[in-house]
Amino acid sequence: MTTADRSRSSGTISSSLLVGVRSFRADAWRRLVHIYGPLVYHWCIKAGLTRADAEDLGQEVFRAVAARIDGFERKKASDTFGGWLRTITRHKVADHWRKKARQPHT
């Protein structure tokens, strides 16, 4: 198991990666998306989204991460980046289904 796999499975993010992401370094963002993108996609598929919708929603999730990354804090041991990311994803999925419900059926 690679370090990225261990990180993803435990929901933790390395301090150096977090600093890079908060500094909006392109290499850190590429690494973050490489590590966590498949997990976000998996959550979206499990929530019933199509592949195309899951890919689009993944981009929305990472845009939200970019807008809120300074708000992520580890106040206690159970505060993980993966948990925070899962919450953002759940909210984006719920938004997706609400929008779909409002669209007229054709």
Protein backbone atom coordinates (compact mmCIF):
# COMPACT_ATOMS: atom_id res chain seq x y z
CA MET A 1 0.00 0.00 0.00
CA THR A 2 1.41 3.37 -0.99
CA THR A 3 1.52 6.43 1.24
CA ALA A 4 -1.27 7.96 -0.86
CA ASP A 5 -3.42 4.84 -0.38
CA ARG A 6 -2.83 4.87 3.38
CA SER A 7 -3.60 8.60 3.50
CA ARG A 8 -6.79 8.20 1.50
CA SER A 9 -8.01 5.21 3.53
CA SER A 10 -7.38 6.92 6.86
CA GLY A 11 -8.76 10.27 5.72
CA THR A 12 -5.61 12.13 6.70
CA ILE A 13 -3.71 14.63 4.61
CA SER A 14 -0.04 15.32 5.09
CA SER A 15 0.83 18.68 6.59
CA SER A 16 3.10 19.53 3.66
CA LEU A 17 0.36 18.75 1.12
CA LEU A 18 -2.12 20.83 3.11
CA VAL A 19 0.31 23.77 3.16
CA GLY A 20 0.82 23.45 -0.59
CA VAL A 21 -2.92 23.31 -1.26
CA ARG A 22 -3.55 26.31 0.96
CA SER A 23 -0.82 28.16 -0.97
CA PHE A 24 -2.56 27.19 -4.23
CA ARG A 25 0.58 25.51 -5.55
CA ALA A 26 -0.27 23.71 -8.79
CA ASP A 27 1.79 20.64 -7.89
CA ALA A 28 -0.01 20.28 -4.55
CA TRP A 29 -3.41 20.59 -6.20
CA ARG A 30 -2.50 17.99 -8.82
CA ARG A 31 -1.43 15.63 -6.04
CA LEU A 32 -4.56 16.32 -3.99
CA VAL A 33 -6.83 15.58 -6.96
CA HIS A 34 -4.75 12.50 -7.83
CA ILE A 35 -5.12 11.15 -4.29
CA TYR A 36 -8.70 12.17 -3.48
CA GLY A 37 -10.35 12.49 -6.90
CA PRO A 38 -11.05 8.75 -7.25
CA LEU A 39 -12.58 8.70 -3.79
CA VAL A 40 -14.89 11.64 -4.57
CA TYR A 41 -15.84 9.95 -7.85
CA HIS A 42 -16.59 6.70 -5.98
CA TRP A 43 -18.85 8.52 -3.50
CA CYS A 44 -20.71 10.18 -6.36
CA ILE A 45 -21.25 6.89 -8.21
CA LYS A 46 -22.46 5.24 -4.99
CA ALA A 47 -24.94 8.11 -4.63
CA GLY A 48 -26.43 7.16 -8.00
CA LEU A 49 -24.87 9.75 -10.30
CA THR A 50 -23.95 8.89 -13.86
CA ARG A 51 -20.27 8.79 -14.75
CA ALA A 52 -20.50 12.15 -16.52
CA ASP A 53 -22.37 13.75 -13.61
CA ALA A 54 -19.88 12.25 -11.13
CA GLU A 55 -16.98 13.76 -13.07
CA ASP A 56 -18.67 17.17 -13.21
CA LEU A 57 -19.61 17.06 -9.55
CA GLY A 58 -16.04 16.11 -8.64
CA GLN A 59 -14.91 19.38 -10.19
CA GLU A 60 -17.51 21.23 -8.15
CA VAL A 61 -16.28 19.50 -4.99
CA PHE A 62 -12.69 20.57 -5.59
CA ARG A 63 -13.80 24.13 -6.41
CA ALA A 64 -15.56 24.15 -3.02
CA VAL A 65 -12.40 22.79 -1.38
CA ALA A 66 -10.41 25.62 -2.96
CA ALA A 67 -12.89 28.19 -1.64
CA ARG A 68 -12.99 26.68 1.86
CA ILE A 69 -9.56 25.12 2.43
CA ASP A 70 -8.61 27.74 5.01
CA GLY A 71 -11.64 26.63 7.04
CA PHE A 72 -10.40 23.06 7.41
CA GLU A 73 -8.97 22.54 10.88
CA ARG A 74 -7.97 19.52 12.91
CA LYS A 75 -9.26 20.49 16.32
CA LYS A 76 -9.42 16.87 17.48
CA ALA A 77 -8.07 13.55 16.28
CA SER A 78 -11.35 12.62 14.60
CA ASP A 79 -11.22 15.73 12.38
CA THR A 80 -9.86 14.31 9.13
CA PHE A 81 -9.50 15.85 5.72
CA GLY A 82 -11.31 12.84 4.26
CA GLY A 83 -14.26 13.41 6.57
CA TRP A 84 -14.35 17.08 5.67
CA LEU A 85 -14.14 16.21 1.96
CA ARG A 86 -16.91 13.62 2.38
CA THR A 87 -19.17 16.27 3.93
CA ILE A 88 -18.56 18.66 1.03
CA THR A 89 -19.25 15.84 -1.43
CA ARG A 90 -22.49 14.87 0.34
CA HIS A 91 -23.70 18.46 0.17
CA LYS A 92 -22.81 18.76 -3.53
CA VAL A 93 -24.59 15.47 -4.28
CA ALA A 94 -27.69 16.67 -2.40
CA ASP A 95 -27.58 19.94 -4.38
CA HIS A 96 -27.33 17.91 -7.59
CA TRP A 97 -30.44 15.86 -6.77
CA ARG A 98 -32.38 18.97 -5.70
CA LYS A 99 -31.58 20.64 -9.05
CA LYS A 100 -32.59 17.48 -10.92
CA ALA A 101 -35.91 17.34 -9.05
CA ARG A 102 -36.72 20.94 -10.10
CA GLN A 103 -36.01 20.29 -13.79
CA PRO A 104 -39.04 19.52 -15.95
CA HIS A 105 -39.24 15.91 -17.08
CA THR A 106 -39.02 15.43 -20.83
